[in-house]
Every structure is written in C-alpha cells, then in structure tokens.
Amino acid sequence: MVERVDSGATSTVKAAAPRWAQHRSGRWEGDARGRPAWTRERFSAALAVLAAGLLAFHRAVPNSVGRLGSLLEAFLPWLGLVVVVLLSMALLRRSATALMALLLPVAVWMHLFGGLFLSGEKPGAHDLVVVQHNVSDENTDPAGTARVLADAEPDLIALEELVPPALLVYEKTLASDYPYHAVRGTVGLWSKHPLADTWLLDIKPPGITEAWSRGLRTVVHTPHGEIAAYVAHLPSVRVRASGLASSWRDESAYLLGKAIAAEKLKTVILLGDLNSTVDDRGLAPLTSRMNVAERGFAFSFPAAFPLARIDQVMARSATVGHIRTLPATGSDHLPVAALITLG
C-alpha cells in the first residue's frame, strides 16, 4: 500500500499487484515476467518429447559409433526416471506445457514395459520351472548357492562359470534332487528329467584364440515331451569412453542364433548369461527367433545394485511367463527363475 497526499487529505491507494501474484483458486497463471503457464518450461517439454522419441524409436539410434544404440537399449527401462524428474519439475514450476508433453513418454513407456508389472499367471498354468544363474568363478560358497537354487524347486537349473573344485560341490549338493546333469566347458544343466544327446556348442567368436567353451545343447525328456535345452554364456561387454565394446558378444549371439535356427526339435529353451538385455539389438539373432519373458523385470546384475537383467530365459514353441529373481548367493549375479508353458 502507498499513501498519497492530496489537498491536505491523506488517502490510501492500493498499488497494482503484479500479474504473477493475482492467483485465483485452482488456477495457474503467469510467472514473475508475466508469461502465461502454457508458455513456460518449453525446454522440459522438449526433453519429454525427446525421451518419448528415444523410447519409441530406439532402433533408429545408430550403432556405427560406439554402439550407442545397444548402450541405450541396455538401460532402456531406466528412461522412465527421466519422466519422473521432468514430472517433478513441471509440478514445482506449474508448467502446463511440460505436463501435457509428459503424457507422451508415459504412454510409450507403459506400452513397452507396463505389462511386465502384471502377474497374469494362474496357479498350475505352467508346465516347467527353470532357473538360470551365473554362479561366478570366484564364488566362495557353492554349496550355499546350490541350496538357494534348489529351494525354488525348478525342473531345470542352468549354471555358468563352473570351475573346479566348485563343480564337484554343485554335483554333490544337487545330486539328490537333480539326478541328471550335463556339463560342457564352464556351463552345465541339472535336471529332474532324463537328458540325452548332449554336445558342446561352438559359439566362440573368431577373435578369441584361447580355450573357450561356453555352450551346450541337450535334450530333456519331460513328461510333456522332448525339449532341446541350450545353455550359453556369451562374452562380456565393456563400457568405455569410446562407447560399448560388444563385438564379441554380438558375434557369439549370431552363432548361437544360427545353431537354434538349425535345431530340429520343435520346442527349445535357452538359458544363459547373455550379457545383454532383451531390448539390445545385439541379441536380435535370438530375440527374433524366440519368445522372451512376458512378466517381471528381474534385474539380475550387478547383485549389489541390479540395473539390468542380463541373465535370460527364452523359448521357441513355448511361452516364458513370469520371471523373478531369487535370493542373493555368493555370485555377482542374482539367480532368475521363470515359468514355462509349452505349446
């Protein structure tokens, strides 16, 4: 308020309030500069549109430089955090433009990943339970690890990074519940059902010259019929300043996909540490031929703070239902368990 003296009389006049202070109940109006809410936070709105574009068209991000496309796809679900941050900013700054723009990435994210939150699994609807685990060649408690896996009561248990003398411990601990098992190189499969026709699977990239055996194929004689089971451990990837180093992983995935394509048995189950997520185009030789989990995120690596599921269960002529993680073991990976419905 200001006072004005006029002809000896003192009167009080109200100064005009700035536009940004003239709020009506429930309305968002202009800012300190007089800009209406609809025109504010255009930068946040642009970021929301960009996030939606990356989610919807991640395949368009080129892999020619640093394999940036694969790097983005390895952490694709985490783009949802960008939406959360932008939502907080929009609410804090009362930006209608940003809020409207956020509907786009939210819709795309829910389309891609919303179904993974659903249960949708009826009791007894599945035919098999399978477990996949990279047990780590530095695991100091193989017996405890084996017990954690067996507690899930799966039909099949696939293990990677099997090294002596830990292999002997796994064989001894699992023998009573899983009388059938096959090991080739550093990968193995334990089963409640008989195994046959097991052989070493050659998925070694040409650039690796040292001894390297990380794949096997076997036939599982289940009560529901014969199933070809593949266990694989693809080469590791590295994130460097130049980008994602994944060429060996991609080459190994191609060889594995070629072997599965040539498989004569109709039903195939693939279990393994594939060192990638199912969104990564590096696994396209596999994901283009096989079904992936329909429910559950089951981030498995690293065990201390899981950021991605690189331990996978895939199937051909079968459905991979809900996938979940099991309790931590002595490995740097978490085990994953999945429900399989045949046919």
Protein backbone atom coordinates (compact mmCIF):
# COMPACT_ATOMS: atom_id res chain seq x y z
CA MET A 1 0.00 0.00 0.00
CA VAL A 2 1.14 3.59 -0.63
CA GLU A 3 -0.06 6.92 0.82
CA ARG A 4 -0.84 9.90 -1.35
CA VAL A 5 -1.32 13.46 -0.02
CA ASP A 6 -3.95 15.42 -1.97
CA SER A 7 -5.27 18.84 -0.86
CA GLY A 8 -4.26 18.22 2.68
CA ALA A 9 -6.15 14.99 2.86
CA THR A 10 -4.39 11.75 3.24
CA SER A 11 -5.79 8.84 1.22
CA THR A 12 -4.68 5.29 0.83
CA VAL A 13 -4.35 3.74 -2.62
CA LYS A 14 -3.61 0.12 -3.40
CA ALA A 15 -0.72 -0.43 -5.79
CA ALA A 16 -1.48 -2.75 -8.65
CA ALA A 17 -0.36 -6.27 -7.79
CA PRO A 18 1.91 -7.95 -10.32
CA ARG A 19 0.19 -10.39 -12.61
CA TRP A 20 2.00 -13.39 -11.16
CA ALA A 21 0.59 -12.60 -7.71
CA GLN A 22 -3.01 -12.40 -8.88
CA HIS A 23 -3.92 -16.06 -8.35
CA ARG A 24 -7.41 -17.36 -8.44
CA SER A 25 -8.18 -20.54 -6.58
CA GLY A 26 -7.15 -23.58 -8.57
CA ARG A 27 -5.64 -21.61 -11.49
CA TRP A 28 -2.05 -21.48 -12.68
CA GLU A 29 -1.32 -18.05 -14.07
CA GLY A 30 1.71 -16.12 -15.29
CA ASP A 31 5.21 -16.09 -13.83
CA ALA A 32 7.25 -13.14 -12.50
CA ARG A 33 7.79 -11.95 -16.07
CA GLY A 34 4.14 -12.13 -16.93
CA ARG A 35 4.46 -15.26 -19.10
CA PRO A 36 1.36 -17.50 -19.02
CA ALA A 37 1.76 -21.06 -17.70
CA TRP A 38 1.16 -22.52 -21.17
CA THR A 39 4.38 -20.96 -22.50
CA ARG A 40 6.65 -21.88 -19.59
CA GLU A 41 9.08 -24.79 -19.36
CA ARG A 42 9.27 -25.41 -23.09
CA PHE A 43 12.71 -26.88 -22.50
CA SER A 44 11.25 -29.50 -20.13
CA ALA A 45 8.55 -30.25 -22.67
CA ALA A 46 11.19 -30.72 -25.35
CA LEU A 47 13.06 -33.14 -23.10
CA ALA A 48 9.85 -35.10 -22.58
CA VAL A 49 9.33 -35.38 -26.33
CA LEU A 50 12.97 -36.44 -26.75
CA ALA A 51 12.57 -39.15 -24.08
CA ALA A 52 9.45 -40.42 -25.84
CA GLY A 53 11.32 -40.47 -29.14
CA LEU A 54 14.22 -42.45 -27.69
CA LEU A 55 11.82 -44.95 -26.17
CA ALA A 56 9.70 -45.39 -29.26
CA PHE A 57 12.47 -45.25 -31.87
CA HIS A 58 15.50 -46.62 -30.02
CA ARG A 59 16.26 -48.83 -33.02
CA ALA A 60 16.91 -45.65 -35.00
CA VAL A 61 19.85 -44.70 -32.76
CA PRO A 62 22.89 -45.80 -34.80
CA ASN A 63 25.28 -48.48 -33.62
CA SER A 64 28.05 -47.47 -36.01
CA VAL A 65 29.71 -45.15 -33.50
CA GLY A 66 30.48 -46.67 -30.12
CA ARG A 67 27.44 -48.95 -30.38
CA LEU A 68 25.38 -46.17 -28.83
CA GLY A 69 22.16 -47.90 -29.84
CA SER A 70 22.99 -51.03 -27.88
CA LEU A 71 24.15 -48.94 -24.92
CA LEU A 72 20.84 -47.09 -24.83
CA GLU A 73 18.85 -50.31 -25.18
CA ALA A 74 20.75 -51.99 -22.34
CA PHE A 75 19.24 -49.45 -19.93
CA LEU A 76 16.06 -48.58 -21.82
CA PRO A 77 13.59 -49.05 -18.91
CA TRP A 78 15.55 -46.51 -16.88
CA LEU A 79 14.44 -43.72 -19.22
CA GLY A 80 11.35 -43.81 -17.04
CA LEU A 81 13.38 -41.96 -14.40
CA VAL A 82 13.71 -39.03 -16.79
CA VAL A 83 9.91 -38.83 -16.83
CA VAL A 84 9.81 -38.80 -13.03
CA VAL A 85 12.35 -35.96 -12.85
CA LEU A 86 10.54 -33.94 -15.50
CA LEU A 87 7.21 -34.50 -13.74
CA SER A 88 8.66 -33.12 -10.50
CA MET A 89 9.98 -30.07 -12.34
CA ALA A 90 6.65 -29.49 -14.08
CA LEU A 91 4.71 -29.66 -10.83
CA LEU A 92 7.20 -27.47 -8.99
CA ARG A 93 7.14 -24.80 -11.67
CA ARG A 94 3.47 -25.25 -12.53
CA SER A 95 4.11 -25.79 -16.21
CA ALA A 96 1.03 -26.95 -18.09
CA THR A 97 3.06 -27.33 -21.27
CA ALA A 98 5.53 -29.74 -19.66
CA LEU A 99 2.74 -31.73 -18.02
CA MET A 100 0.93 -32.20 -21.32
CA ALA A 101 4.17 -33.21 -23.05
CA LEU A 102 4.89 -35.80 -20.35
CA LEU A 103 1.83 -37.78 -21.38
CA LEU A 104 3.74 -38.88 -24.48
CA PRO A 105 6.76 -40.62 -22.83
CA VAL A 106 4.49 -42.05 -20.12
CA ALA A 107 2.28 -43.66 -22.75
CA VAL A 108 5.26 -45.06 -24.69
CA TRP A 109 6.97 -46.39 -21.53
CA MET A 110 3.78 -48.10 -20.38
CA HIS A 111 3.33 -49.63 -23.82
CA LEU A 112 6.86 -51.07 -23.74
CA PHE A 113 7.18 -52.10 -20.10
CA GLY A 114 3.84 -51.74 -18.35
CA GLY A 115 2.91 -55.36 -18.99
CA LEU A 116 5.95 -56.55 -17.06
CA PHE A 117 4.30 -55.35 -13.84
CA LEU A 118 1.31 -57.62 -14.28
CA SER A 119 1.11 -61.03 -12.68
CA GLY A 120 -1.27 -62.74 -15.07
CA GLU A 121 -0.08 -66.22 -14.06
CA LYS A 122 -2.70 -68.68 -12.92
CA PRO A 123 -1.68 -71.29 -10.34
CA GLY A 124 -0.67 -74.50 -12.07
CA ALA A 125 -0.88 -72.93 -15.53
CA HIS A 126 2.80 -73.53 -16.31
CA ASP A 127 4.48 -76.79 -17.30
CA LEU A 128 8.05 -76.20 -16.13
CA VAL A 129 10.01 -74.05 -13.71
CA VAL A 130 13.55 -73.19 -14.77
CA VAL A 131 16.40 -71.39 -13.03
CA GLN A 132 19.30 -69.56 -14.65
CA HIS A 133 22.37 -68.45 -12.71
CA ASN A 134 25.91 -67.30 -13.38
CA VAL A 135 27.43 -68.69 -10.19
CA SER A 136 30.74 -66.75 -10.60
CA ASP A 137 34.11 -68.43 -10.76
CA GLU A 138 35.00 -66.54 -7.54
CA ASN A 139 32.04 -67.83 -5.54
CA THR A 140 33.26 -68.96 -2.11
CA ASP A 141 30.03 -70.73 -1.14
CA PRO A 142 28.99 -73.10 -3.96
CA ALA A 143 27.10 -75.37 -1.57
CA GLY A 144 25.01 -72.49 -0.26
CA THR A 145 24.43 -71.28 -3.79
CA ALA A 146 23.19 -74.71 -4.86
CA ARG A 147 20.75 -74.83 -1.94
CA VAL A 148 19.29 -71.42 -2.83
CA LEU A 149 18.65 -72.61 -6.38
CA ALA A 150 17.18 -75.95 -5.32
CA ASP A 151 14.84 -74.22 -2.85
CA ALA A 152 12.95 -72.77 -5.82
CA GLU A 153 12.10 -76.38 -6.81
CA PRO A 154 12.79 -75.90 -10.54
CA ASP A 155 12.74 -78.65 -13.15
CA LEU A 156 15.94 -77.33 -14.75
CA ILE A 157 18.91 -75.41 -13.36
CA ALA A 158 21.39 -73.83 -15.77
CA LEU A 159 24.76 -72.69 -14.41
CA GLU A 160 27.66 -70.73 -15.89
CA GLU A 161 31.25 -70.09 -14.77
CA LEU A 162 31.61 -73.62 -13.43
CA VAL A 163 35.20 -74.23 -12.38
CA PRO A 164 36.89 -76.97 -10.34
CA PRO A 165 36.70 -77.68 -7.46
CA ALA A 166 33.36 -75.81 -7.16
CA LEU A 167 31.89 -78.02 -9.88
CA LEU A 168 32.28 -81.06 -7.64
CA VAL A 169 30.38 -79.25 -4.88
CA TYR A 170 27.48 -78.42 -7.20
CA GLU A 171 27.33 -82.01 -8.40
CA LYS A 172 27.29 -83.36 -4.86
CA THR A 173 24.81 -80.84 -3.43
CA LEU A 174 22.31 -81.11 -6.27
CA ALA A 175 22.59 -84.87 -6.84
CA SER A 176 19.66 -85.96 -4.66
CA ASP A 177 17.06 -83.68 -6.27
CA TYR A 178 18.62 -83.47 -9.73
CA PRO A 179 19.93 -86.89 -10.72
CA TYR A 180 20.59 -85.87 -14.32
CA HIS A 181 23.13 -83.29 -15.33
CA ALA A 182 25.41 -82.38 -18.23
CA VAL A 183 28.48 -80.13 -18.21
CA ARG A 184 30.48 -78.86 -21.16
CA GLY A 185 33.31 -76.44 -20.56
CA THR A 186 32.16 -73.90 -17.96
CA VAL A 187 28.38 -74.32 -18.44
CA GLY A 188 26.06 -77.01 -17.16
CA LEU A 189 22.45 -78.10 -16.83
CA TRP A 190 20.89 -80.01 -13.90
CA SER A 191 17.53 -81.68 -14.47
CA LYS A 192 14.84 -83.69 -12.71
CA HIS A 193 14.16 -85.35 -16.05
CA PRO A 194 16.48 -87.57 -18.14
CA LEU A 195 18.95 -85.93 -20.52
CA ALA A 196 20.26 -87.28 -23.81
CA ASP A 197 22.13 -86.25 -26.97
CA THR A 198 24.31 -83.69 -25.23
CA TRP A 199 27.04 -81.94 -27.12
CA LEU A 200 29.35 -78.95 -26.90
CA LEU A 201 28.02 -75.88 -28.65
CA ASP A 202 30.63 -73.89 -30.53
CA ILE A 203 29.77 -70.23 -30.04
CA LYS A 204 33.31 -68.90 -29.69
CA PRO A 205 33.92 -65.69 -31.67
CA PRO A 206 36.80 -65.93 -34.19
CA GLY A 207 38.74 -63.22 -32.33
CA ILE A 208 39.13 -65.32 -29.18
CA THR A 209 42.19 -67.54 -29.52
CA GLU A 210 42.44 -69.13 -26.05
CA ALA A 211 40.48 -72.18 -24.88
CA TRP A 212 36.85 -71.16 -24.55
CA SER A 213 33.86 -73.47 -24.10
CA ARG A 214 30.67 -71.72 -23.03
CA GLY A 215 27.79 -73.52 -24.65
CA LEU A 216 25.96 -76.83 -24.61
CA ARG A 217 22.91 -78.40 -26.17
CA THR A 218 20.99 -81.33 -24.74
CA VAL A 219 17.57 -82.98 -24.96
CA VAL A 220 15.34 -83.04 -21.89
CA HIS A 221 12.80 -85.88 -21.75
CA THR A 222 9.99 -84.17 -19.84
CA PRO A 223 6.52 -85.59 -19.10
CA HIS A 224 5.30 -83.18 -21.78
CA GLY A 225 7.66 -84.41 -24.48
CA GLU A 226 11.21 -83.80 -25.69
CA ILE A 227 12.70 -80.33 -25.35
CA ALA A 228 16.01 -79.09 -26.73
CA ALA A 229 17.73 -77.15 -23.95
CA TYR A 230 20.56 -74.73 -24.69
CA VAL A 231 22.84 -73.24 -22.04
CA ALA A 232 25.13 -70.39 -23.07
CA HIS A 233 27.43 -67.77 -21.63
CA LEU A 234 28.12 -65.02 -24.15
CA PRO A 235 31.25 -62.84 -23.96
CA SER A 236 31.25 -59.90 -21.59
CA VAL A 237 30.83 -56.31 -22.74
CA ARG A 238 32.64 -53.22 -21.51
CA VAL A 239 31.54 -49.59 -21.32
CA ARG A 240 34.46 -47.39 -22.37
CA ALA A 241 34.98 -43.76 -23.24
CA SER A 242 34.62 -44.74 -26.90
CA GLY A 243 31.28 -46.45 -26.25
CA LEU A 244 30.13 -50.03 -25.74
CA ALA A 245 32.61 -52.80 -26.61
CA SER A 246 30.30 -55.67 -27.56
CA SER A 247 31.54 -57.06 -30.88
CA TRP A 248 32.47 -60.48 -29.43
CA ARG A 249 29.13 -60.71 -27.65
CA ASP A 250 27.31 -59.91 -30.87
CA GLU A 251 29.31 -62.47 -32.86
CA SER A 252 28.63 -65.15 -30.27
CA ALA A 253 24.91 -64.29 -30.28
CA TYR A 254 24.88 -64.74 -34.05
CA LEU A 255 26.47 -68.20 -33.78
CA LEU A 256 24.03 -69.20 -31.05
CA GLY A 257 21.07 -67.97 -33.07
CA LYS A 258 22.29 -69.90 -36.08
CA ALA A 259 22.51 -73.11 -34.02
CA ILE A 260 19.00 -72.64 -32.62
CA ALA A 261 17.61 -71.96 -36.09
CA ALA A 262 19.03 -75.31 -37.21
CA GLU A 263 17.57 -77.18 -34.21
CA LYS A 264 15.25 -79.95 -35.44
CA LEU A 265 13.24 -80.33 -32.26
CA LYS A 266 10.25 -78.02 -32.25
CA THR A 267 10.45 -76.85 -28.63
CA VAL A 268 13.61 -75.09 -27.50
CA ILE A 269 14.52 -73.45 -24.19
CA LEU A 270 17.55 -71.17 -23.94
CA LEU A 271 19.03 -70.35 -20.53
CA GLY A 272 22.14 -68.29 -20.10
CA ASP A 273 24.12 -65.27 -19.12
CA LEU A 274 23.79 -63.43 -22.41
CA ASN A 275 25.46 -60.25 -21.15
CA SER A 276 22.67 -58.11 -22.53
CA THR A 277 19.02 -57.22 -22.13
CA VAL A 278 16.28 -58.43 -24.45
CA ASP A 279 15.90 -54.88 -25.80
CA ASP A 280 19.50 -54.80 -27.04
CA ARG A 281 19.69 -55.27 -30.81
CA GLY A 282 22.87 -57.28 -30.22
CA LEU A 283 20.62 -60.18 -29.21
CA ALA A 284 18.41 -59.86 -32.28
CA PRO A 285 19.64 -63.23 -33.66
CA LEU A 286 17.97 -64.74 -30.59
CA THR A 287 15.03 -62.47 -29.80
CA SER A 288 13.89 -62.60 -33.42
CA ARG A 289 13.51 -66.38 -33.15
CA MET A 290 12.44 -66.88 -29.55
CA ASN A 291 9.90 -65.68 -27.01
CA VAL A 292 11.09 -63.69 -24.00
CA ALA A 293 9.59 -63.22 -20.55
CA GLU A 294 6.14 -61.62 -20.59
CA ARG A 295 6.00 -60.64 -16.91
CA GLY A 296 8.61 -59.36 -14.46
CA PHE A 297 11.73 -57.21 -14.68
CA ALA A 298 14.05 -59.48 -12.67
CA PHE A 299 17.12 -57.23 -12.86
CA SER A 300 19.98 -59.62 -12.14
CA PHE A 301 23.23 -57.66 -12.44
CA PRO A 302 25.12 -56.47 -10.52
CA ALA A 303 23.83 -58.31 -7.48
CA ALA A 304 24.66 -55.47 -5.09
CA PHE A 305 22.54 -52.97 -7.05
CA PRO A 306 20.79 -54.65 -10.01
CA LEU A 307 20.46 -52.37 -13.03
CA ALA A 308 19.61 -54.82 -15.82
CA ARG A 309 18.58 -58.40 -16.48
CA ILE A 310 21.40 -59.95 -18.47
CA ASP A 311 20.53 -63.50 -17.31
CA GLN A 312 17.89 -64.66 -19.75
CA VAL A 313 15.31 -67.36 -20.32
CA MET A 314 13.95 -67.63 -23.87
CA ALA A 315 11.85 -70.24 -25.62
CA ARG A 316 10.66 -71.40 -29.02
CA SER A 317 7.23 -73.04 -29.34
CA ALA A 318 6.73 -72.25 -25.65
CA THR A 319 5.85 -69.23 -23.55
CA VAL A 320 8.07 -67.71 -20.89
CA GLY A 321 5.67 -66.45 -18.25
CA HIS A 322 6.62 -64.65 -15.08
CA ILE A 323 10.34 -64.23 -14.36
CA ARG A 324 11.71 -63.24 -10.96
CA THR A 325 14.96 -63.05 -9.07
CA LEU A 326 15.91 -65.44 -6.28
CA PRO A 327 17.82 -64.52 -3.11
CA ALA A 328 21.43 -63.43 -3.50
CA THR A 329 24.18 -66.03 -3.48
CA GLY A 330 27.95 -65.77 -3.43
CA SER A 331 27.86 -64.56 -7.05
CA ASP A 332 27.91 -61.08 -8.51
CA HIS A 333 24.70 -62.07 -10.38
CA LEU A 334 21.28 -62.78 -8.92
CA PRO A 335 19.63 -66.06 -9.96
CA VAL A 336 16.45 -65.79 -12.03
CA ALA A 337 13.55 -68.24 -12.10
CA ALA A 338 10.95 -68.41 -14.86
CA LEU A 339 7.72 -70.28 -15.58
CA ILE A 340 7.48 -72.09 -18.92
CA THR A 341 4.24 -73.05 -20.66
CA LEU A 342 4.75 -75.44 -23.54
CA GLY A 343 2.95 -75.32 -26.85
